[in-house]
Each structure stands twice: as structure tokens, then as C-alpha cells.
Amino acid sequence: MITIDKIKIYKRFNGDGDGWARGGTKEEKSFMNDDDWFLIGTFVQDISLIKKGLASYSFRDSIYERVKENCDSEETIQAIMEM
């Protein structure tokens, strides 16, 4: 489940997974795993395509549904949409 705290970690490393792997604290690494990191990155890319008008309506709808299913709150959803 993606949380606002996981979004903050992702932002702290500007989406750089290698930077997180090398420089993340033990606490961050125990709280967030590679699957979380990958999912956030995928959402960021997919939403970027949507914002640029490069995605079909069905793709857009499926992404919004996946975001809702994988985020713990509206605050988290909003944070992903703004990235």
C-alpha cells in the first residue's frame, strides 16, 4: 500500500532508486520496499502520459483505478497526481 510517507521518501530521492538503495536509512528501507518504489515510479510515468494527452481514455481510467486501489488515502492519491 502506498502512503504519503512513502511518497515523501520517493520525493526525497527525486525518484532515483539507486540513490535510495545507497543513501536510504534503515528505517526508510524497512518501511518501503522495491515493489513500492517501482509502483510509485510507474504511476508517475503513467500519469505524465495522461497529463500530456498521450493516453487513451481506457488507459486513463485503468490507471486512476489502480492508483485508488494501491493508495491508503485521498491525500496520497493527490500527492501522486501532483508529482
N, C-alpha and C. Protein backbone atom coordinates (compact mmCIF):
# COMPACT_ATOMS: atom_id res chain seq x y z
N MET A 1 0.85 -1.18 0.00
CA MET A 1 0.00 0.00 0.00
C MET A 1 0.90 1.25 0.00
N ILE A 2 0.59 2.16 -0.89
CA ILE A 2 1.36 3.41 -0.97
C ILE A 2 0.77 4.40 0.03
N THR A 3 1.66 5.02 0.79
CA THR A 3 1.26 6.01 1.79
C THR A 3 1.94 7.33 1.49
N ILE A 4 1.49 8.37 2.16
CA ILE A 4 2.10 9.69 1.98
C ILE A 4 3.56 9.67 2.42
N ASP A 5 3.89 8.88 3.43
CA ASP A 5 5.27 8.80 3.89
C ASP A 5 6.17 8.15 2.83
N LYS A 6 5.65 7.17 2.11
CA LYS A 6 6.41 6.55 1.03
C LYS A 6 6.62 7.53 -0.12
N ILE A 7 5.62 8.36 -0.38
CA ILE A 7 5.74 9.40 -1.40
C ILE A 7 6.84 10.39 -1.00
N LYS A 8 6.88 10.74 0.26
CA LYS A 8 7.91 11.67 0.75
C LYS A 8 9.30 11.09 0.57
N ILE A 9 9.46 9.81 0.84
CA ILE A 9 10.76 9.16 0.64
C ILE A 9 11.12 9.19 -0.85
N TYR A 10 10.17 8.84 -1.69
CA TYR A 10 10.40 8.84 -3.14
C TYR A 10 10.82 10.23 -3.61
N LYS A 11 10.15 11.26 -3.13
CA LYS A 11 10.49 12.63 -3.50
C LYS A 11 11.85 13.04 -2.97
N ARG A 12 12.18 12.59 -1.76
CA ARG A 12 13.48 12.96 -1.15
C ARG A 12 14.63 12.53 -2.04
N PHE A 13 14.46 11.42 -2.74
CA PHE A 13 15.49 10.90 -3.63
C PHE A 13 15.20 11.22 -5.09
N ASN A 14 14.24 12.11 -5.33
CA ASN A 14 13.87 12.52 -6.69
C ASN A 14 13.61 11.34 -7.61
N GLY A 15 13.04 10.28 -7.07
CA GLY A 15 12.73 9.10 -7.87
C GLY A 15 13.93 8.26 -8.26
N ASP A 16 15.10 8.56 -7.69
CA ASP A 16 16.33 7.82 -8.00
C ASP A 16 16.43 6.59 -7.11
N GLY A 17 16.07 5.45 -7.66
CA GLY A 17 16.09 4.21 -6.89
C GLY A 17 17.47 3.81 -6.43
N ASP A 18 18.49 4.07 -7.25
CA ASP A 18 19.86 3.76 -6.84
C ASP A 18 20.28 4.64 -5.67
N GLY A 19 19.89 5.91 -5.73
CA GLY A 19 20.19 6.81 -4.62
C GLY A 19 19.55 6.36 -3.33
N TRP A 20 18.31 5.91 -3.44
CA TRP A 20 17.60 5.39 -2.27
C TRP A 20 18.29 4.12 -1.75
N ALA A 21 18.69 3.23 -2.66
CA ALA A 21 19.35 1.99 -2.25
C ALA A 21 20.67 2.28 -1.54
N ARG A 22 21.39 3.29 -2.00
CA ARG A 22 22.69 3.63 -1.39
C ARG A 22 22.56 4.53 -0.17
N GLY A 23 21.62 5.48 -0.23
CA GLY A 23 21.58 6.51 0.81
C GLY A 23 20.38 6.46 1.73
N GLY A 24 19.46 5.56 1.49
CA GLY A 24 18.28 5.48 2.35
C GLY A 24 18.64 4.95 3.73
N THR A 25 17.93 5.43 4.72
CA THR A 25 18.17 4.97 6.08
C THR A 25 17.60 3.56 6.26
N LYS A 26 18.03 2.89 7.32
CA LYS A 26 17.47 1.57 7.64
C LYS A 26 15.97 1.66 7.82
N GLU A 27 15.53 2.71 8.48
CA GLU A 27 14.10 2.90 8.72
C GLU A 27 13.34 3.03 7.40
N GLU A 28 13.87 3.84 6.48
CA GLU A 28 13.22 4.01 5.18
C GLU A 28 13.15 2.69 4.42
N LYS A 29 14.23 1.94 4.46
CA LYS A 29 14.28 0.67 3.73
C LYS A 29 13.41 -0.40 4.35
N SER A 30 13.20 -0.33 5.65
CA SER A 30 12.31 -1.31 6.28
C SER A 30 10.84 -0.93 6.07
N PHE A 31 10.60 0.36 5.86
CA PHE A 31 9.25 0.86 5.68
C PHE A 31 8.77 0.74 4.24
N MET A 32 9.72 0.91 3.31
CA MET A 32 9.39 0.92 1.89
C MET A 32 10.25 -0.11 1.17
N ASN A 33 9.63 -0.90 0.30
CA ASN A 33 10.41 -1.90 -0.42
C ASN A 33 10.51 -1.57 -1.91
N ASP A 34 11.23 -2.40 -2.65
CA ASP A 34 11.43 -2.16 -4.08
C ASP A 34 10.12 -2.15 -4.85
N ASP A 35 9.18 -2.99 -4.44
CA ASP A 35 7.88 -3.03 -5.12
C ASP A 35 7.14 -1.70 -4.96
N ASP A 36 7.20 -1.12 -3.77
CA ASP A 36 6.58 0.19 -3.54
C ASP A 36 7.23 1.25 -4.44
N TRP A 37 8.56 1.21 -4.47
CA TRP A 37 9.32 2.18 -5.27
C TRP A 37 8.93 2.07 -6.75
N PHE A 38 8.88 0.84 -7.24
CA PHE A 38 8.54 0.60 -8.64
C PHE A 38 7.11 1.06 -8.94
N LEU A 39 6.19 0.78 -8.04
CA LEU A 39 4.80 1.15 -8.25
C LEU A 39 4.64 2.67 -8.31
N ILE A 40 5.28 3.38 -7.42
CA ILE A 40 5.21 4.84 -7.44
C ILE A 40 5.79 5.36 -8.76
N GLY A 41 6.94 4.84 -9.16
CA GLY A 41 7.55 5.26 -10.42
C GLY A 41 6.66 5.00 -11.61
N THR A 42 6.00 3.86 -11.61
CA THR A 42 5.07 3.53 -12.70
C THR A 42 3.91 4.51 -12.73
N PHE A 43 3.36 4.81 -11.56
CA PHE A 43 2.26 5.77 -11.50
C PHE A 43 2.70 7.15 -12.01
N VAL A 44 3.89 7.58 -11.62
CA VAL A 44 4.40 8.88 -12.06
C VAL A 44 4.51 8.92 -13.58
N GLN A 45 5.06 7.87 -14.18
CA GLN A 45 5.19 7.82 -15.64
C GLN A 45 3.82 7.79 -16.32
N ASP A 46 2.94 6.95 -15.83
CA ASP A 46 1.63 6.81 -16.45
C ASP A 46 0.82 8.10 -16.35
N ILE A 47 0.87 8.74 -15.21
CA ILE A 47 0.13 9.99 -15.03
C ILE A 47 0.73 11.09 -15.90
N SER A 48 2.03 11.06 -16.10
CA SER A 48 2.67 12.01 -17.00
C SER A 48 2.13 11.86 -18.42
N LEU A 49 1.98 10.63 -18.88
CA LEU A 49 1.40 10.38 -20.21
C LEU A 49 -0.03 10.92 -20.29
N ILE A 50 -0.79 10.71 -19.23
CA ILE A 50 -2.17 11.19 -19.20
C ILE A 50 -2.20 12.71 -19.27
N LYS A 51 -1.36 13.38 -18.48
CA LYS A 51 -1.33 14.84 -18.45
C LYS A 51 -0.93 15.43 -19.80
N LYS A 52 -0.08 14.71 -20.54
CA LYS A 52 0.36 15.18 -21.86
C LYS A 52 -0.62 14.84 -22.96
N GLY A 53 -1.71 14.16 -22.60
CA GLY A 53 -2.72 13.80 -23.58
C GLY A 53 -2.31 12.65 -24.49
N LEU A 54 -1.38 11.82 -24.03
CA LEU A 54 -0.86 10.72 -24.84
C LEU A 54 -1.45 9.36 -24.47
N ALA A 55 -2.50 9.37 -23.68
CA ALA A 55 -3.09 8.11 -23.22
C ALA A 55 -4.56 8.04 -23.64
N SER A 56 -5.01 6.84 -23.91
CA SER A 56 -6.41 6.64 -24.25
C SER A 56 -7.27 6.79 -23.00
N TYR A 57 -8.56 6.94 -23.22
CA TYR A 57 -9.48 7.05 -22.09
C TYR A 57 -9.49 5.77 -21.25
N SER A 58 -9.42 4.64 -21.91
CA SER A 58 -9.44 3.38 -21.15
C SER A 58 -8.17 3.23 -20.32
N PHE A 59 -7.02 3.64 -20.86
CA PHE A 59 -5.77 3.61 -20.11
C PHE A 59 -5.87 4.54 -18.91
N ARG A 60 -6.37 5.74 -19.15
CA ARG A 60 -6.52 6.72 -18.07
C ARG A 60 -7.40 6.17 -16.97
N ASP A 61 -8.53 5.60 -17.33
CA ASP A 61 -9.45 5.05 -16.33
C ASP A 61 -8.81 3.91 -15.55
N SER A 62 -8.05 3.05 -16.24
CA SER A 62 -7.42 1.92 -15.55
C SER A 62 -6.33 2.40 -14.58
N ILE A 63 -5.60 3.44 -14.96
CA ILE A 63 -4.56 3.98 -14.08
C ILE A 63 -5.20 4.60 -12.84
N TYR A 64 -6.22 5.40 -13.04
CA TYR A 64 -6.89 6.01 -11.88
C TYR A 64 -7.43 4.95 -10.93
N GLU A 65 -7.96 3.88 -11.48
CA GLU A 65 -8.47 2.79 -10.65
C GLU A 65 -7.33 2.11 -9.88
N ARG A 66 -6.20 1.86 -10.55
CA ARG A 66 -5.05 1.25 -9.89
C ARG A 66 -4.49 2.14 -8.78
N VAL A 67 -4.46 3.44 -9.04
CA VAL A 67 -3.98 4.38 -8.02
C VAL A 67 -4.88 4.30 -6.80
N LYS A 68 -6.18 4.34 -7.01
CA LYS A 68 -7.13 4.27 -5.89
C LYS A 68 -6.99 2.96 -5.11
N GLU A 69 -6.76 1.86 -5.81
CA GLU A 69 -6.63 0.55 -5.16
C GLU A 69 -5.35 0.41 -4.36
N ASN A 70 -4.32 1.15 -4.74
CA ASN A 70 -3.00 0.97 -4.14
C ASN A 70 -2.57 2.09 -3.20
N CYS A 71 -3.43 3.07 -2.98
CA CYS A 71 -3.10 4.17 -2.07
C CYS A 71 -4.00 4.13 -0.85
N ASP A 72 -3.46 4.57 0.26
CA ASP A 72 -4.20 4.47 1.53
C ASP A 72 -5.15 5.62 1.80
N SER A 73 -5.01 6.74 1.06
CA SER A 73 -5.86 7.89 1.36
C SER A 73 -5.95 8.82 0.15
N GLU A 74 -6.91 9.75 0.23
CA GLU A 74 -7.04 10.78 -0.81
C GLU A 74 -5.80 11.67 -0.85
N GLU A 75 -5.22 11.92 0.31
CA GLU A 75 -4.01 12.75 0.38
C GLU A 75 -2.88 12.10 -0.42
N THR A 76 -2.74 10.80 -0.30
CA THR A 76 -1.72 10.08 -1.04
C THR A 76 -2.01 10.12 -2.54
N ILE A 77 -3.25 9.90 -2.90
CA ILE A 77 -3.64 9.96 -4.31
C ILE A 77 -3.33 11.32 -4.89
N GLN A 78 -3.67 12.36 -4.16
CA GLN A 78 -3.40 13.74 -4.62
C GLN A 78 -1.91 13.99 -4.78
N ALA A 79 -1.12 13.48 -3.85
CA ALA A 79 0.35 13.66 -3.92
C ALA A 79 0.92 12.99 -5.17
N ILE A 80 0.42 11.82 -5.50
CA ILE A 80 0.88 11.13 -6.71
C ILE A 80 0.46 11.91 -7.94
N MET A 81 -0.75 12.40 -7.97
CA MET A 81 -1.25 13.13 -9.12
C MET A 81 -0.45 14.42 -9.35
N GLU A 82 0.10 14.98 -8.30
CA GLU A 82 0.84 16.25 -8.42
C GLU A 82 2.31 16.06 -8.76
N MET A 83 2.78 14.84 -8.74
CA MET A 83 4.20 14.61 -8.99
C MET A 83 4.54 14.75 -10.46
